[in-house]
Amino acid sequence: MTKIMHYDLIIIGMGLSGLMAAKTAAEAGQKVIIIGKGMGSLCLFSNTIDVLGKLPLTMKMEPLREASGVDTKVRRGEHPVPEGQFTHGQVSGPLGTGMSDGLSQWMKDHPKHPYSKVGLDRIKEALSSFTSLFPPPYSFQTVGNGNCLIPTGAGTLRPTYFIPITMVAGTSLKKEDALIVGFKGFKDFYADYVADQMDCRGITLSLSEAFRQEITTTALARLMERESFRETIGRAIKEKIHGETRVGLPALLGVRESWKVKKELEEIIGSEVFEIPTLPPSIPGLRIFNRYKEWLIQRGVTFLLGCSVSRATLKGKKCEGVDVSTPPIFNSYSADRYILATGRFIGGGLVADEEKIFEPIFNLPVTQPKSREDWFRKSFFDDLSHPVHQAGILTDSSFRAIDEKGEVLLENVWVAGSILADHHSVDEKSREGIEIATGYMAAKQALGKIGA
């Protein structure tokens, strides 16, 4: 008979919400196991930490200071640049006054939103816990008292809140201030196109045969960690500089020690270097994942990557255990408490058949449109988000799943992350913020640490 391994807390899902829950529980001295079949969307899309990209229109920001070269009358890409809205310069604390006030107003306007269940003080605690994992030299910073605008691989500007130190120099670009650099054969970043949208100059470097085996995001990031490669491209870029004070590269300045890669390139080129987010996979997201993994393992958290929870054993209103499959091996694990943080469709947290959307592990009810015909709007590019992206699990204020009558379905299971109902994180630009805040709060609730 197979021995069932017991833990204080089992976390299902290895995205940012699951990792945040694991960190919170580990800090409380709990015996924790985190189980995930993959790394979630963190390593696909996350480059920065979006908290709330759409601040309420009533919010007032400090006057613009350093970004005076930005044309405030033109809509650039995904986000308008309202006159006087953004400021350049670091602020202290997890939330600047603009973001703090904006979230407060947002929660008043959206009382069912996950942020409203967490509360402003706990959101600040959660974000502070996140940034504590990333001390200098590779730290996450705020620029101004609210969101800043960063350039993207599509040549647009998008609002975000926390950005890694490797992207800060790209937040206050002026016309013709930067040289945008791409690589021939790298199809996920077109420097000339990006530069044209940003009113800058772009160049595309050809790689020598020694470095041309496989031109992918991950391969280039690994090459960046080689001194010979950095010296080669650094010298090539320096020859192309025509008075530009900054150099923008796709976000692949190494998987580890990217700050070191940035610094050494700057020394060779003689200009400030910054990263520009690209298409998936996300190297900055992989850095976040690796840092969490390293920290959690050091503190005794059991890490089961590449494993799927195939079944949950339920008795009454409690979960008694889960079965984990890593064919041909099947193991069973039990815990006093469980956190479900499997994400929506990409992570397999929600699954759809021809008639409905369902949650496959605990069979929790999913809030969704009444008919499949209502999942999508008539136009794919409709200004409003598609109803299918609003599907999720309803919870009480403690993040335990409830039915339509508000009754708690499982007393020892909590839910966190994008699988939650009552948010539109893509449209709101709030995904990472929701994952960090609810992962933190679900763990606090599960461990009874709310008053702590």
Protein backbone atom coordinates (compact mmCIF):
# COMPACT_ATOMS: atom_id res chain seq x y z
CA MET A 1 0.00 0.00 0.00
CA THR A 2 1.37 3.42 -1.01
CA LYS A 3 2.10 5.73 1.89
CA ILE A 4 0.24 9.04 1.68
CA MET A 5 2.53 12.02 2.34
CA HIS A 6 0.97 14.65 4.59
CA TYR A 7 1.54 18.41 4.55
CA ASP A 8 0.15 21.44 6.32
CA LEU A 9 -0.74 23.03 2.98
CA ILE A 10 -0.99 21.76 -0.60
CA ILE A 11 -0.91 24.41 -3.33
CA ILE A 12 -2.12 23.37 -6.76
CA GLY A 13 -0.76 25.63 -9.48
CA MET A 14 2.70 27.06 -10.06
CA GLY A 15 1.87 30.47 -11.48
CA LEU A 16 2.48 33.71 -9.62
CA SER A 17 -0.51 33.25 -7.27
CA GLY A 18 0.58 29.74 -6.29
CA LEU A 19 4.18 30.83 -5.77
CA MET A 20 3.05 33.79 -3.67
CA ALA A 21 0.85 31.53 -1.52
CA ALA A 22 3.77 29.14 -1.04
CA LYS A 23 6.09 31.97 0.04
CA THR A 24 3.52 33.28 2.52
CA ALA A 25 2.95 29.85 4.05
CA ALA A 26 6.68 29.03 4.18
CA GLU A 27 7.34 32.26 6.07
CA ALA A 28 4.75 31.13 8.61
CA GLY A 29 6.71 27.93 9.20
CA GLN A 30 4.29 25.61 7.42
CA LYS A 31 5.16 22.33 5.70
CA VAL A 32 4.20 23.12 2.11
CA ILE A 33 4.10 21.31 -1.21
CA ILE A 34 3.40 23.14 -4.48
CA ILE A 35 2.27 21.08 -7.47
CA GLY A 36 2.16 22.25 -11.08
CA LYS A 37 2.21 20.71 -14.52
CA GLY A 38 3.93 23.84 -15.84
CA MET A 39 5.09 27.30 -14.86
CA GLY A 40 1.79 28.95 -15.64
CA SER A 41 1.47 32.13 -17.69
CA LEU A 42 4.26 33.74 -15.65
CA CYS A 43 6.91 32.56 -18.09
CA LEU A 44 4.76 33.36 -21.11
CA PHE A 45 3.44 36.88 -20.60
CA SER A 46 4.77 38.45 -17.40
CA ASN A 47 7.50 41.01 -17.97
CA THR A 48 6.40 43.58 -15.42
CA ILE A 49 3.90 43.70 -12.55
CA ASP A 50 0.57 45.18 -13.61
CA VAL A 51 -1.49 46.28 -10.62
CA LEU A 52 -4.18 48.39 -12.26
CA GLY A 53 -3.54 49.81 -15.69
CA LYS A 54 -6.86 51.61 -15.84
CA LEU A 55 -6.81 53.99 -12.91
CA PRO A 56 -10.15 55.73 -12.31
CA LEU A 57 -10.52 58.84 -14.45
CA THR A 58 -11.04 60.98 -11.35
CA MET A 59 -7.47 60.32 -10.18
CA LYS A 60 -4.97 63.16 -10.43
CA MET A 61 -1.27 62.47 -10.80
CA GLU A 62 1.73 64.67 -10.18
CA PRO A 63 2.70 66.89 -13.13
CA LEU A 64 4.97 65.43 -15.78
CA ARG A 65 8.62 66.10 -14.99
CA GLU A 66 11.24 64.33 -17.06
CA ALA A 67 9.20 62.96 -19.95
CA SER A 68 8.63 66.37 -21.52
CA GLY A 69 9.60 65.05 -24.94
CA VAL A 70 6.51 62.82 -25.11
CA ASP A 71 3.75 64.09 -27.37
CA THR A 72 0.82 64.23 -24.98
CA LYS A 73 -1.74 64.90 -27.70
CA VAL A 74 -1.23 61.63 -29.57
CA ARG A 75 -2.55 58.21 -28.64
CA ARG A 76 0.36 55.80 -28.77
CA GLY A 77 -0.43 52.12 -29.02
CA GLU A 78 -2.49 50.66 -26.21
CA HIS A 79 -2.62 53.67 -23.95
CA PRO A 80 -3.16 57.41 -24.34
CA VAL A 81 -0.62 59.66 -22.71
CA PRO A 82 -2.83 62.19 -20.89
CA GLU A 83 -1.15 65.53 -20.34
CA GLY A 84 0.37 65.81 -16.88
CA GLN A 85 -0.49 62.26 -15.84
CA PHE A 86 2.88 60.54 -15.49
CA THR A 87 5.96 61.41 -13.50
CA HIS A 88 9.50 60.02 -13.68
CA GLY A 89 11.39 59.23 -10.50
CA GLN A 90 11.33 56.42 -7.98
CA VAL A 91 9.03 56.50 -4.96
CA SER A 92 9.35 54.48 -1.78
CA GLY A 93 6.90 51.92 -0.49
CA PRO A 94 4.83 49.29 -2.29
CA LEU A 95 2.21 51.77 -3.52
CA GLY A 96 2.63 55.37 -4.59
CA THR A 97 -0.13 57.75 -3.59
CA GLY A 98 -1.62 57.76 -7.08
CA MET A 99 -1.91 53.97 -7.24
CA SER A 100 -3.07 53.74 -3.64
CA ASP A 101 -5.84 56.28 -4.16
CA GLY A 102 -6.72 54.71 -7.50
CA LEU A 103 -7.11 51.25 -5.98
CA SER A 104 -9.24 52.65 -3.17
CA GLN A 105 -11.59 54.21 -5.69
CA TRP A 106 -11.55 51.07 -7.84
CA MET A 107 -12.60 48.90 -4.90
CA LYS A 108 -15.47 51.26 -4.08
CA ASP A 109 -16.64 51.04 -7.68
CA HIS A 110 -16.13 47.24 -7.88
CA PRO A 111 -17.09 45.73 -4.50
CA LYS A 112 -16.99 42.12 -5.81
CA HIS A 113 -13.55 42.45 -7.38
CA PRO A 114 -10.76 40.27 -5.87
CA TYR A 115 -8.95 43.43 -4.76
CA SER A 116 -11.99 44.41 -2.69
CA LYS A 117 -11.82 41.08 -0.83
CA VAL A 118 -8.14 41.55 -0.12
CA GLY A 119 -8.30 45.17 1.00
CA LEU A 120 -5.80 47.97 0.42
CA ASP A 121 -3.58 47.27 3.43
CA ARG A 122 -3.18 43.61 2.50
CA ILE A 123 -2.50 44.50 -1.14
CA LYS A 124 0.34 46.70 0.08
CA GLU A 125 1.65 43.88 2.27
CA ALA A 126 1.50 41.42 -0.62
CA LEU A 127 3.33 43.71 -3.03
CA SER A 128 5.93 44.46 -0.36
CA SER A 129 6.40 40.71 0.13
CA PHE A 130 6.91 40.30 -3.61
CA THR A 131 9.48 43.09 -3.93
CA SER A 132 11.38 41.76 -0.90
CA LEU A 133 12.37 38.77 -3.03
CA PHE A 134 14.14 41.08 -5.46
CA PRO A 135 16.69 43.25 -3.69
CA PRO A 136 19.28 45.19 -5.70
CA PRO A 137 20.96 44.76 -8.08
CA TYR A 138 17.93 43.11 -9.81
CA SER A 139 15.06 44.91 -8.15
CA PHE A 140 11.53 45.87 -9.16
CA GLN A 141 10.82 49.59 -9.01
CA THR A 142 8.02 52.05 -9.44
CA VAL A 143 8.48 55.10 -11.63
CA GLY A 144 6.38 57.99 -10.42
CA ASN A 145 3.45 57.83 -8.04
CA GLY A 146 1.29 55.68 -10.29
CA ASN A 147 1.78 53.75 -13.52
CA CYS A 148 4.58 54.41 -15.95
CA LEU A 149 4.62 53.76 -19.69
CA ILE A 150 7.04 51.23 -21.13
CA PRO A 151 7.71 50.47 -24.80
CA THR A 152 6.66 47.08 -26.12
CA GLY A 153 7.80 44.82 -28.94
CA ALA A 154 4.87 46.11 -30.98
CA GLY A 155 6.17 49.66 -30.75
CA THR A 156 3.36 50.74 -28.44
CA LEU A 157 3.46 52.18 -24.95
CA ARG A 158 1.66 50.31 -22.19
CA PRO A 159 0.96 51.28 -18.59
CA THR A 160 2.39 49.12 -15.81
CA TYR A 161 3.42 49.55 -12.17
CA PHE A 162 6.47 47.58 -11.02
CA ILE A 163 9.24 47.16 -13.58
CA PRO A 164 12.62 45.40 -13.31
CA ILE A 165 15.70 47.61 -13.13
CA THR A 166 16.60 46.47 -16.66
CA MET A 167 13.58 48.34 -18.11
CA VAL A 168 13.67 51.61 -16.16
CA ALA A 169 15.68 53.54 -18.76
CA GLY A 170 12.94 52.94 -21.33
CA THR A 171 10.24 54.80 -19.39
CA SER A 172 11.13 58.39 -20.28
CA LEU A 173 12.24 58.28 -23.90
CA LYS A 174 12.36 61.41 -26.00
CA LYS A 175 12.28 61.68 -29.77
CA GLU A 176 15.43 60.26 -31.38
CA ASP A 177 16.81 59.56 -27.90
CA ALA A 178 17.24 55.80 -28.33
CA LEU A 179 18.71 53.28 -30.73
CA ILE A 180 16.55 50.14 -30.97
CA VAL A 181 18.53 46.97 -31.69
CA GLY A 182 17.32 43.66 -33.09
CA PHE A 183 18.98 40.51 -34.41
CA LYS A 184 18.76 39.08 -37.91
CA GLY A 185 16.84 35.81 -37.84
CA PHE A 186 15.14 36.60 -34.53
CA LYS A 187 11.51 36.75 -35.61
CA ASP A 188 9.95 37.87 -32.33
CA PHE A 189 11.32 41.42 -32.44
CA TYR A 190 11.57 43.80 -35.40
CA ALA A 191 13.76 46.72 -34.41
CA ASP A 192 12.95 48.95 -37.40
CA TYR A 193 9.22 48.66 -36.80
CA VAL A 194 9.52 49.34 -33.07
CA ALA A 195 11.85 52.28 -33.69
CA ASP A 196 9.53 53.79 -36.28
CA GLN A 197 6.62 53.75 -33.82
CA MET A 198 8.81 55.30 -31.11
CA ASP A 199 10.31 58.04 -33.34
CA CYS A 200 13.77 56.52 -32.87
CA ARG A 201 16.32 54.82 -35.08
CA GLY A 202 16.53 51.03 -35.40
CA ILE A 203 19.22 48.60 -36.54
CA THR A 204 19.35 44.83 -37.02
CA LEU A 205 22.60 43.06 -36.21
CA SER A 206 23.77 39.94 -38.02
CA LEU A 207 25.21 37.23 -35.80
CA SER A 208 28.38 35.36 -36.72
CA GLU A 209 28.22 31.65 -37.51
CA ALA A 210 29.52 30.87 -34.03
CA PHE A 211 26.35 32.31 -32.47
CA ARG A 212 23.79 31.41 -35.14
CA GLN A 213 22.84 27.85 -34.18
CA GLU A 214 19.36 28.66 -32.90
CA ILE A 215 17.97 32.18 -32.78
CA THR A 216 15.20 31.93 -30.21
CA THR A 217 14.41 34.04 -27.17
CA THR A 218 15.84 31.50 -24.73
CA ALA A 219 18.91 30.78 -26.86
CA LEU A 220 19.73 34.49 -27.19
CA ALA A 221 19.26 34.99 -23.44
CA ARG A 222 21.77 32.21 -22.79
CA LEU A 223 24.20 33.73 -25.32
CA MET A 224 23.96 37.06 -23.51
CA GLU A 225 25.45 35.37 -20.47
CA ARG A 226 28.64 34.65 -22.44
CA GLU A 227 31.26 37.39 -22.19
CA SER A 228 32.47 36.87 -25.76
CA PHE A 229 28.96 37.37 -27.13
CA ARG A 230 28.41 40.53 -25.08
CA GLU A 231 31.68 41.99 -26.25
CA THR A 232 30.89 41.21 -29.90
CA ILE A 233 27.44 42.79 -29.97
CA GLY A 234 28.49 45.62 -27.65
CA ARG A 235 31.22 46.72 -30.06
CA ALA A 236 28.86 46.32 -33.03
CA ILE A 237 26.25 48.56 -31.36
CA LYS A 238 28.84 51.16 -30.36
CA GLU A 239 29.83 51.55 -34.02
CA LYS A 240 26.20 52.31 -34.92
CA ILE A 241 25.58 54.95 -32.24
CA HIS A 242 24.84 58.39 -33.75
CA GLY A 243 24.39 60.50 -30.64
CA GLU A 244 21.75 58.32 -28.98
CA THR A 245 22.04 58.18 -25.18
CA ARG A 246 20.04 54.95 -24.75
CA VAL A 247 19.95 51.55 -26.41
CA GLY A 248 16.83 49.37 -26.41
CA LEU A 249 17.19 45.60 -26.78
CA PRO A 250 14.60 42.82 -26.68
CA ALA A 251 14.11 41.55 -23.11
CA LEU A 252 16.69 38.78 -23.18
CA LEU A 253 19.67 40.15 -21.25
CA GLY A 254 20.34 36.77 -19.69
CA VAL A 255 18.23 34.45 -17.57
CA ARG A 256 20.44 35.06 -14.53
CA GLU A 257 22.39 38.17 -13.56
CA SER A 258 20.71 40.31 -16.22
CA TRP A 259 21.78 43.40 -14.27
CA LYS A 260 25.39 42.34 -14.86
CA VAL A 261 24.77 41.86 -18.59
CA LYS A 262 23.17 45.32 -18.73
CA LYS A 263 26.05 46.96 -16.86
CA GLU A 264 28.77 45.37 -19.00
CA LEU A 265 26.99 46.28 -22.24
CA GLU A 266 26.68 49.87 -21.03
CA GLU A 267 30.40 49.99 -20.30
CA ILE A 268 31.21 48.75 -23.82
CA ILE A 269 28.64 50.89 -25.68
CA GLY A 270 28.86 54.05 -23.58
CA SER A 271 25.07 54.46 -23.49
CA GLU A 272 22.33 53.38 -21.09
CA VAL A 273 20.75 50.02 -22.00
CA PHE A 274 17.14 48.96 -21.43
CA GLU A 275 15.01 45.91 -22.22
CA ILE A 276 11.82 45.91 -24.30
CA PRO A 277 9.27 43.12 -23.68
CA THR A 278 8.86 40.68 -26.59
CA LEU A 279 6.47 37.93 -27.64
CA PRO A 280 6.34 34.78 -25.44
CA PRO A 281 8.26 33.22 -23.86
CA SER A 282 9.09 35.90 -21.30
CA ILE A 283 12.67 35.89 -20.01
CA PRO A 284 11.81 38.43 -17.26
CA GLY A 285 8.96 36.11 -16.22
CA LEU A 286 11.38 33.19 -16.11
CA ARG A 287 13.63 35.24 -13.83
CA ILE A 288 10.72 35.75 -11.45
CA PHE A 289 9.90 32.05 -11.48
CA ASN A 290 13.51 31.02 -10.88
CA ARG A 291 13.85 33.40 -7.94
CA TYR A 292 10.70 32.04 -6.28
CA LYS A 293 11.77 28.45 -6.90
CA GLU A 294 15.23 29.04 -5.45
CA TRP A 295 13.82 30.79 -2.37
CA LEU A 296 11.09 28.20 -1.72
CA ILE A 297 13.38 25.19 -2.03
CA GLN A 298 15.89 26.80 0.33
CA ARG A 299 13.09 27.04 2.91
CA GLY A 300 12.05 23.43 2.60
CA VAL A 301 9.04 23.74 0.28
CA THR A 302 8.51 20.60 -1.80
CA PHE A 303 8.46 21.54 -5.48
CA LEU A 304 6.63 19.18 -7.89
CA LEU A 305 7.04 20.68 -11.37
CA GLY A 306 5.69 18.75 -14.35
CA CYS A 307 3.05 16.97 -12.30
CA SER A 308 -0.73 17.03 -12.66
CA VAL A 309 -3.35 16.60 -9.98
CA SER A 310 -5.58 13.93 -11.49
CA ARG A 311 -8.18 13.62 -8.73
CA ALA A 312 -9.24 15.11 -5.41
CA THR A 313 -10.73 12.94 -2.67
CA LEU A 314 -13.67 14.71 -1.05
CA LYS A 315 -15.65 13.79 2.02
CA GLY A 316 -18.53 16.03 2.90
CA LYS A 317 -17.31 19.61 2.79
CA LYS A 318 -13.65 18.75 3.08
CA CYS A 319 -10.85 17.64 0.80
CA GLU A 320 -8.96 14.69 2.24
CA GLY A 321 -6.26 14.30 -0.40
CA VAL A 322 -5.17 14.61 -4.01
CA ASP A 323 -3.71 12.12 -6.47
CA VAL A 324 -0.75 13.30 -8.52
CA SER A 325 0.24 11.67 -11.77
CA THR A 326 3.71 11.65 -13.27
CA PRO A 327 3.28 8.61 -15.56
CA PRO A 328 4.02 5.83 -14.92
CA ILE A 329 4.12 6.89 -11.23
CA PHE A 330 1.05 7.93 -9.24
CA ASN A 331 1.30 9.38 -5.72
CA SER A 332 -1.22 10.55 -3.16
CA TYR A 333 -0.82 13.57 -0.90
CA SER A 334 -2.95 14.87 1.95
CA ALA A 335 -3.02 18.15 3.85
CA ASP A 336 -4.96 20.09 6.41
CA ARG A 337 -5.57 22.87 3.87
CA TYR A 338 -5.48 23.33 0.08
CA ILE A 339 -5.16 26.30 -2.24
CA LEU A 340 -6.36 26.09 -5.84
CA ALA A 341 -4.32 28.46 -8.04
CA THR A 342 -4.45 26.81 -11.45
CA GLY A 343 -5.34 29.86 -13.54
CA ARG A 344 -7.96 29.95 -16.24
CA PHE A 345 -7.74 28.28 -19.64
CA ILE A 346 -4.03 28.53 -20.42
CA GLY A 347 -3.04 26.79 -17.18
CA GLY A 348 -5.85 24.25 -17.42
CA GLY A 349 -7.60 25.60 -14.33
CA LEU A 350 -10.74 25.92 -16.41
CA VAL A 351 -11.71 23.49 -19.17
CA ALA A 352 -14.42 23.84 -21.78
CA ASP A 353 -16.41 21.23 -23.65
CA GLU A 354 -19.09 21.76 -26.28
CA GLU A 355 -21.62 23.01 -23.74
CA LYS A 356 -19.99 24.55 -20.69
CA ILE A 357 -16.88 25.57 -18.78
CA PHE A 358 -15.91 23.53 -15.73
CA GLU A 359 -13.21 23.28 -13.05
CA PRO A 360 -11.67 19.80 -13.37
CA ILE A 361 -10.08 19.06 -9.97
CA PHE A 362 -12.71 19.88 -7.34
CA ASN A 363 -15.62 20.29 -9.78
CA LEU A 364 -16.34 23.74 -8.36
CA PRO A 365 -19.12 25.69 -10.08
CA VAL A 366 -17.93 28.22 -12.64
CA THR A 367 -19.59 31.57 -13.26
CA GLN A 368 -20.06 31.75 -17.04
CA PRO A 369 -22.41 32.89 -19.82
CA LYS A 370 -25.62 30.87 -19.96
CA SER A 371 -25.00 29.62 -23.49
CA ARG A 372 -21.86 28.86 -25.50
CA GLU A 373 -23.24 31.18 -28.15
CA ASP A 374 -22.71 34.00 -25.66
CA TRP A 375 -19.03 33.24 -25.00
CA PHE A 376 -17.79 35.61 -27.69
CA ARG A 377 -18.97 38.93 -29.05
CA LYS A 378 -19.79 39.33 -32.72
CA SER A 379 -16.50 41.08 -33.45
CA PHE A 380 -13.25 39.47 -32.33
CA PHE A 381 -11.73 42.94 -31.86
CA ASP A 382 -14.68 44.33 -29.94
CA ASP A 383 -13.83 47.16 -27.53
CA LEU A 384 -15.39 45.14 -24.72
CA SER A 385 -13.80 41.91 -23.49
CA HIS A 386 -15.38 38.62 -24.53
CA PRO A 387 -17.72 37.16 -21.86
CA VAL A 388 -15.80 33.86 -21.86
CA HIS A 389 -12.86 35.68 -20.30
CA GLN A 390 -15.03 36.58 -17.32
CA ALA A 391 -15.56 32.94 -16.34
CA GLY A 392 -14.29 32.05 -12.89
CA ILE A 393 -14.91 30.68 -9.39
CA LEU A 394 -17.12 32.61 -6.98
CA THR A 395 -15.74 32.89 -3.45
CA ASP A 396 -16.63 34.42 -0.13
CA SER A 397 -14.56 37.18 1.46
CA SER A 398 -12.09 34.54 2.69
CA PHE A 399 -11.55 33.14 -0.84
CA ARG A 400 -13.39 29.87 -0.24
CA ALA A 401 -15.56 28.70 -3.14
CA ILE A 402 -19.29 29.28 -2.78
CA ASP A 403 -22.43 28.34 -4.69
CA GLU A 404 -25.06 30.73 -6.02
CA LYS A 405 -26.65 30.91 -2.57
CA GLY A 406 -23.38 31.95 -0.95
CA GLU A 407 -22.82 28.63 0.82
CA VAL A 408 -19.20 27.51 1.28
CA LEU A 409 -18.62 24.34 -0.74
CA LEU A 410 -15.31 23.11 0.71
CA GLU A 411 -14.23 24.28 4.13
CA ASN A 412 -10.52 23.59 3.75
CA VAL A 413 -9.99 24.71 0.14
CA TRP A 414 -9.16 28.30 -0.83
CA VAL A 415 -8.97 29.79 -4.33
CA ALA A 416 -6.48 32.35 -5.66
CA GLY A 417 -5.32 33.97 -8.87
CA SER A 418 -6.87 34.49 -12.27
CA ILE A 419 -9.30 31.56 -11.84
CA LEU A 420 -11.34 33.82 -9.57
CA ALA A 421 -14.54 35.40 -10.86
CA ASP A 422 -15.45 39.12 -10.91
CA HIS A 423 -12.39 40.50 -12.64
CA HIS A 424 -11.29 41.28 -16.21
CA SER A 425 -7.54 41.27 -15.63
CA VAL A 426 -6.52 41.54 -19.28
CA ASP A 427 -8.69 44.59 -19.87
CA GLU A 428 -7.91 46.06 -16.44
CA LYS A 429 -4.18 45.31 -16.77
CA SER A 430 -4.24 43.88 -13.27
CA ARG A 431 -3.24 40.24 -13.70
CA GLU A 432 0.01 40.12 -11.74
CA GLY A 433 -1.41 42.35 -9.02
CA ILE A 434 -4.44 40.08 -8.58
CA GLU A 435 -2.25 36.98 -8.51
CA ILE A 436 0.16 38.41 -5.93
CA ALA A 437 -2.56 39.86 -3.69
CA THR A 438 -4.93 36.88 -3.75
CA GLY A 439 -2.15 34.30 -3.44
CA TYR A 440 -0.91 36.12 -0.37
CA MET A 441 -4.38 36.57 1.09
CA ALA A 442 -5.56 33.01 0.41
CA ALA A 443 -2.55 31.67 2.31
CA LYS A 444 -3.17 34.07 5.19
CA GLN A 445 -6.82 32.99 5.34
CA ALA A 446 -5.96 29.30 5.09
CA LEU A 447 -3.47 29.58 7.94
CA GLY A 448 -5.69 31.75 10.10
CA LYS A 449 -3.10 34.54 10.08
CA ILE A 450 -5.40 37.47 9.24
CA GLY A 451 -4.91 39.11 12.60
CA ALA A 452 -1.18 38.49 12.55
